[in-house]
Amino acid sequence: QVQLVESGGGLVQPGDSLRLSCAASGRTFRAYVMAWFRQAPGKEREFVAAVSRTGLSTHYADSVKGRFTISRGYTRNTVYLEMNPLNAEDTAVYYCAAGLREWEYGESSAESFYAYWGQGTQVTVSS
């Protein structure tokens, strides 16, 4: 079993930045394809960004492209999401996800690609 723990959420103002972290741990220590999804109040969960095992390939939703950056940590089973600048539409619960399949750009945005999910961290952007 794999556990994912997110951190770094909070309340910020429009135009501010925030950095989310997600650490994966469990019985099998291997690099996973990792991603961030988010769910705003009253909306379905949506894809935000994904990164390959090596960190060399990434995929972003159009709504965050140019503002958010996904990256892997030194241990490779840690992933970060740098968000700058934030706006009110970014308010949501952000979920970390990990998948064991090989990287495929198109499929990396699908929830079905990922086997493991974190509990989520709240990001609120409000003035």
Foldseek 3Di string as FASTA:
>chain_A
DKAKDKDWADEAAAQDKTKMKIAIDDDDQAAWWKFKWWDDPPGDIFGAKIAFQVRPDMAGDPVQPPFWDWGADPSSRMIMIIGGRDDQVPWTWMKMFTADDHDDHVCSGPPVRTDDIHPTDTHGYHD
